[in-house]
Amino acid sequence: MRIRDFRADDAPDINLVPLIDVILVLIIFFVVTTSFDARSVLKLELPRAEGQPPEAGAPPLTLLINAEGRYFVHDREVLRTDVDALKASLQEVAGDERDRTVLIRADARTPWQAVITAYDALGQLGFRRIANATAPADPAQAVAAP
């Protein structure tokens, strides 16, 4: 009786499918978790006002409103423009810190309703320290924004 050796038939091969899957997951992870500077993404034209910038303290919670009325809480875009979506996003970022200053950076061309909706959401959540970002009335007095 002849016993056959099957070891010679086994040709080694490298399966690349798991490697491609892992690399794809890593790429998606890095793209999603990359943080972008909100000021470089949005081009805001702030309203003009005279006055002094506030003293440096704890970093405020930043609420950006662009010219189309879209909201951005820190670096996160609020997908809907209603009060409930804005409140949910603010609660997610701020947590239970209601004594934190909220800095509203609204474009000068922002619809007034978008600003009122922001004030409404902040009031319903219990935020009482709200500041509005403005540009200096005289461009020569421009100071670096926080």
C-alpha atoms as a PDB file:
ATOM      1  CA  MET A   1       0.000   0.000   0.000  1.00  0.00           C
ATOM      2  CA  ARG A   2       1.297   3.364  -0.980  1.00  0.00           C
ATOM      3  CA  ILE A   3       0.885   6.256   1.462  1.00  0.00           C
ATOM      4  CA  ARG A   4       0.812   9.605  -0.196  1.00  0.00           C
ATOM      5  CA  ASP A   5       2.532  12.653   1.330  1.00  0.00           C
ATOM      6  CA  PHE A   6       0.102  15.618   1.139  1.00  0.00           C
ATOM      7  CA  ARG A   7       2.610  18.136   2.429  1.00  0.00           C
ATOM      8  CA  ALA A   8       4.029  18.680  -1.014  1.00  0.00           C
ATOM      9  CA  ASP A   9       0.616  19.775  -2.347  1.00  0.00           C
ATOM     10  CA  ASP A  10       0.191  22.569   0.182  1.00  0.00           C
ATOM     11  CA  ALA A  11       1.381  25.697  -1.535  1.00  0.00           C
ATOM     12  CA  PRO A  12       1.736  28.641   0.827  1.00  0.00           C
ATOM     13  CA  ASP A  13      -0.346  31.663  -0.050  1.00  0.00           C
ATOM     14  CA  ILE A  14      -0.880  35.034   1.561  1.00  0.00           C
ATOM     15  CA  ASN A  15      -4.458  36.169   1.950  1.00  0.00           C
ATOM     16  CA  LEU A  16      -4.596  39.976   1.630  1.00  0.00           C
ATOM     17  CA  VAL A  17      -8.326  40.433   2.337  1.00  0.00           C
ATOM     18  CA  PRO A  18      -7.956  40.716   6.158  1.00  0.00           C
ATOM     19  CA  LEU A  19      -5.064  43.148   5.723  1.00  0.00           C
ATOM     20  CA  ILE A  20      -7.118  45.346   3.388  1.00  0.00           C
ATOM     21  CA  ASP A  21     -10.053  45.247   5.839  1.00  0.00           C
ATOM     22  CA  VAL A  22      -7.870  46.389   8.729  1.00  0.00           C
ATOM     23  CA  ILE A  23      -6.303  49.191   6.690  1.00  0.00           C
ATOM     24  CA  LEU A  24      -9.725  50.385   5.519  1.00  0.00           C
ATOM     25  CA  VAL A  25     -11.013  50.470   9.111  1.00  0.00           C
ATOM     26  CA  LEU A  26      -7.932  52.429  10.227  1.00  0.00           C
ATOM     27  CA  ILE A  27      -8.368  54.962   7.427  1.00  0.00           C
ATOM     28  CA  ILE A  28     -12.031  55.483   8.292  1.00  0.00           C
ATOM     29  CA  PHE A  29     -11.126  55.823  11.992  1.00  0.00           C
ATOM     30  CA  PHE A  30      -8.493  58.479  11.311  1.00  0.00           C
ATOM     31  CA  VAL A  31     -10.731  60.438   8.930  1.00  0.00           C
ATOM     32  CA  VAL A  32     -13.612  60.500  11.414  1.00  0.00           C
ATOM     33  CA  THR A  33     -11.520  61.344  14.471  1.00  0.00           C
ATOM     34  CA  THR A  34      -9.407  64.051  12.876  1.00  0.00           C
ATOM     35  CA  SER A  35     -10.261  67.386  14.404  1.00  0.00           C
ATOM     36  CA  PHE A  36     -10.489  70.416  12.201  1.00  0.00           C
ATOM     37  CA  ASP A  37     -10.096  74.023  13.234  1.00  0.00           C
ATOM     38  CA  ALA A  38     -13.603  75.518  13.096  1.00  0.00           C
ATOM     39  CA  ARG A  39     -12.279  78.990  12.331  1.00  0.00           C
ATOM     40  CA  SER A  40     -10.511  77.842   9.185  1.00  0.00           C
ATOM     41  CA  VAL A  41     -13.571  75.962   7.928  1.00  0.00           C
ATOM     42  CA  LEU A  42     -16.122  78.717   8.379  1.00  0.00           C
ATOM     43  CA  LYS A  43     -15.670  82.182   7.023  1.00  0.00           C
ATOM     44  CA  LEU A  44     -17.585  84.487   9.338  1.00  0.00           C
ATOM     45  CA  GLU A  45     -18.001  88.200   8.984  1.00  0.00           C
ATOM     46  CA  LEU A  46     -18.614  89.307  12.570  1.00  0.00           C
ATOM     47  CA  PRO A  47     -20.755  92.343  13.330  1.00  0.00           C
ATOM     48  CA  ARG A  48     -18.825  95.475  14.303  1.00  0.00           C
ATOM     49  CA  ALA A  49     -18.877  96.918  17.821  1.00  0.00           C
ATOM     50  CA  GLU A  50     -16.743  99.019  20.123  1.00  0.00           C
ATOM     51  CA  GLY A  51     -15.506  97.646  23.406  1.00  0.00           C
ATOM     52  CA  GLN A  52     -12.795  95.642  25.054  1.00  0.00           C
ATOM     53  CA  PRO A  53     -12.338  91.884  24.767  1.00  0.00           C
ATOM     54  CA  PRO A  54     -13.126  89.917  27.944  1.00  0.00           C
ATOM     55  CA  GLU A  55     -10.401  88.877  30.354  1.00  0.00           C
ATOM     56  CA  ALA A  56      -8.727  85.563  29.703  1.00  0.00           C
ATOM     57  CA  GLY A  57     -10.271  82.795  31.782  1.00  0.00           C
ATOM     58  CA  ALA A  58     -11.662  79.351  31.247  1.00  0.00           C
ATOM     59  CA  PRO A  59     -12.256  78.648  27.551  1.00  0.00           C
ATOM     60  CA  PRO A  60     -15.872  79.369  26.649  1.00  0.00           C
ATOM     61  CA  LEU A  61     -18.259  77.002  24.940  1.00  0.00           C
ATOM     62  CA  THR A  62     -18.270  78.224  21.341  1.00  0.00           C
ATOM     63  CA  LEU A  63     -21.466  78.327  19.274  1.00  0.00           C
ATOM     64  CA  LEU A  64     -20.871  79.321  15.639  1.00  0.00           C
ATOM     65  CA  ILE A  65     -23.716  80.369  13.341  1.00  0.00           C
ATOM     66  CA  ASN A  66     -22.806  80.828   9.690  1.00  0.00           C
ATOM     67  CA  ALA A  67     -24.514  83.055   7.116  1.00  0.00           C
ATOM     68  CA  GLU A  68     -26.934  80.273   6.108  1.00  0.00           C
ATOM     69  CA  GLY A  69     -28.106  79.788   9.717  1.00  0.00           C
ATOM     70  CA  ARG A  70     -26.255  76.486  10.317  1.00  0.00           C
ATOM     71  CA  TYR A  71     -25.013  75.795  13.861  1.00  0.00           C
ATOM     72  CA  PHE A  72     -21.613  74.490  14.977  1.00  0.00           C
ATOM     73  CA  VAL A  73     -21.012  73.643  18.647  1.00  0.00           C
ATOM     74  CA  HIS A  74     -17.224  73.689  19.054  1.00  0.00           C
ATOM     75  CA  ASP A  75     -16.139  71.594  16.052  1.00  0.00           C
ATOM     76  CA  ARG A  76     -19.389  69.629  15.654  1.00  0.00           C
ATOM     77  CA  GLU A  77     -22.012  70.618  13.106  1.00  0.00           C
ATOM     78  CA  VAL A  78     -25.624  70.447  14.243  1.00  0.00           C
ATOM     79  CA  LEU A  79     -27.388  68.658  11.418  1.00  0.00           C
ATOM     80  CA  ARG A  80     -30.840  70.199  11.911  1.00  0.00           C
ATOM     81  CA  THR A  81     -31.590  73.846  12.657  1.00  0.00           C
ATOM     82  CA  ASP A  82     -34.411  73.352  15.172  1.00  0.00           C
ATOM     83  CA  VAL A  83     -34.233  74.075  18.914  1.00  0.00           C
ATOM     84  CA  ASP A  84     -34.295  70.419  19.973  1.00  0.00           C
ATOM     85  CA  ALA A  85     -31.317  69.437  17.791  1.00  0.00           C
ATOM     86  CA  LEU A  86     -29.329  72.442  19.029  1.00  0.00           C
ATOM     87  CA  LYS A  87     -30.189  71.648  22.660  1.00  0.00           C
ATOM     88  CA  ALA A  88     -29.112  68.022  22.231  1.00  0.00           C
ATOM     89  CA  SER A  89     -25.794  69.064  20.722  1.00  0.00           C
ATOM     90  CA  LEU A  90     -25.161  71.655  23.453  1.00  0.00           C
ATOM     91  CA  GLN A  91     -25.970  69.119  26.185  1.00  0.00           C
ATOM     92  CA  GLU A  92     -23.635  66.590  24.614  1.00  0.00           C
ATOM     93  CA  VAL A  93     -20.711  69.021  24.519  1.00  0.00           C
ATOM     94  CA  ALA A  94     -21.284  70.977  27.752  1.00  0.00           C
ATOM     95  CA  GLY A  95     -22.578  68.190  29.966  1.00  0.00           C
ATOM     96  CA  ASP A  96     -23.781  69.618  33.288  1.00  0.00           C
ATOM     97  CA  GLU A  97     -21.647  72.795  33.174  1.00  0.00           C
ATOM     98  CA  ARG A  98     -24.354  75.468  33.064  1.00  0.00           C
ATOM     99  CA  ASP A  99     -22.170  78.189  34.631  1.00  0.00           C
ATOM    100  CA  ARG A 100     -19.773  78.050  31.663  1.00  0.00           C
ATOM    101  CA  THR A 101     -19.673  81.084  29.367  1.00  0.00           C
ATOM    102  CA  VAL A 102     -21.158  80.510  25.911  1.00  0.00           C
ATOM    103  CA  LEU A 103     -19.583  82.569  23.131  1.00  0.00           C
ATOM    104  CA  ILE A 104     -21.916  83.062  20.165  1.00  0.00           C
ATOM    105  CA  ARG A 105     -19.993  83.793  16.980  1.00  0.00           C
ATOM    106  CA  ALA A 106     -22.686  84.652  14.454  1.00  0.00           C
ATOM    107  CA  ASP A 107     -21.968  85.925  10.966  1.00  0.00           C
ATOM    108  CA  ALA A 108     -23.186  89.465  10.324  1.00  0.00           C
ATOM    109  CA  ARG A 109     -25.381  88.093   7.515  1.00  0.00           C
ATOM    110  CA  THR A 110     -26.960  85.400   9.709  1.00  0.00           C
ATOM    111  CA  PRO A 111     -30.758  85.384   9.714  1.00  0.00           C
ATOM    112  CA  TRP A 112     -32.025  86.862  12.966  1.00  0.00           C
ATOM    113  CA  GLN A 113     -34.226  83.794  13.557  1.00  0.00           C
ATOM    114  CA  ALA A 114     -31.125  81.576  13.792  1.00  0.00           C
ATOM    115  CA  VAL A 115     -29.683  83.780  16.548  1.00  0.00           C
ATOM    116  CA  ILE A 116     -33.008  83.837  18.426  1.00  0.00           C
ATOM    117  CA  THR A 117     -33.209  80.040  18.159  1.00  0.00           C
ATOM    118  CA  ALA A 118     -29.717  79.815  19.681  1.00  0.00           C
ATOM    119  CA  TYR A 119     -30.713  82.121  22.557  1.00  0.00           C
ATOM    120  CA  ASP A 120     -33.893  80.081  23.073  1.00  0.00           C
ATOM    121  CA  ALA A 121     -31.964  76.781  23.258  1.00  0.00           C
ATOM    122  CA  LEU A 122     -29.392  78.250  25.646  1.00  0.00           C
ATOM    123  CA  GLY A 123     -32.120  79.706  27.867  1.00  0.00           C
ATOM    124  CA  GLN A 124     -34.033  76.419  28.000  1.00  0.00           C
ATOM    125  CA  LEU A 125     -30.854  74.588  29.036  1.00  0.00           C
ATOM    126  CA  GLY A 126     -30.130  77.092  31.813  1.00  0.00           C
ATOM    127  CA  PHE A 127     -27.080  78.909  30.435  1.00  0.00           C
ATOM    128  CA  ARG A 128     -26.932  82.434  31.855  1.00  0.00           C
ATOM    129  CA  ARG A 129     -23.457  83.619  30.840  1.00  0.00           C
ATOM    130  CA  ILE A 130     -23.763  84.349  27.118  1.00  0.00           C
ATOM    131  CA  ALA A 131     -21.347  86.534  25.150  1.00  0.00           C
ATOM    132  CA  ASN A 132     -21.478  87.683  21.540  1.00  0.00           C
ATOM    133  CA  ALA A 133     -18.301  87.827  19.455  1.00  0.00           C
ATOM    134  CA  THR A 134     -17.886  90.988  17.409  1.00  0.00           C
ATOM    135  CA  ALA A 135     -15.180  92.514  15.275  1.00  0.00           C
ATOM    136  CA  PRO A 136     -13.736  95.895  16.265  1.00  0.00           C
ATOM    137  CA  ALA A 137     -15.462  98.891  14.678  1.00  0.00           C
ATOM    138  CA  ASP A 138     -12.057 100.197  13.586  1.00  0.00           C
ATOM    139  CA  PRO A 139      -9.963  97.550  11.775  1.00  0.00           C
ATOM    140  CA  ALA A 140      -6.805  99.198  13.133  1.00  0.00           C
ATOM    141  CA  GLN A 141      -7.869  98.141  16.639  1.00  0.00           C
ATOM    142  CA  ALA A 142      -8.076  94.478  15.621  1.00  0.00           C
ATOM    143  CA  VAL A 143      -6.984  92.129  18.389  1.00  0.00           C
ATOM    144  CA  ALA A 144      -6.469  88.406  17.957  1.00  0.00           C
ATOM    145  CA  ALA A 145      -9.713  86.568  18.650  1.00  0.00           C
ATOM    146  CA  PRO A 146      -9.738  83.932  21.394  1.00  0.00           C
END
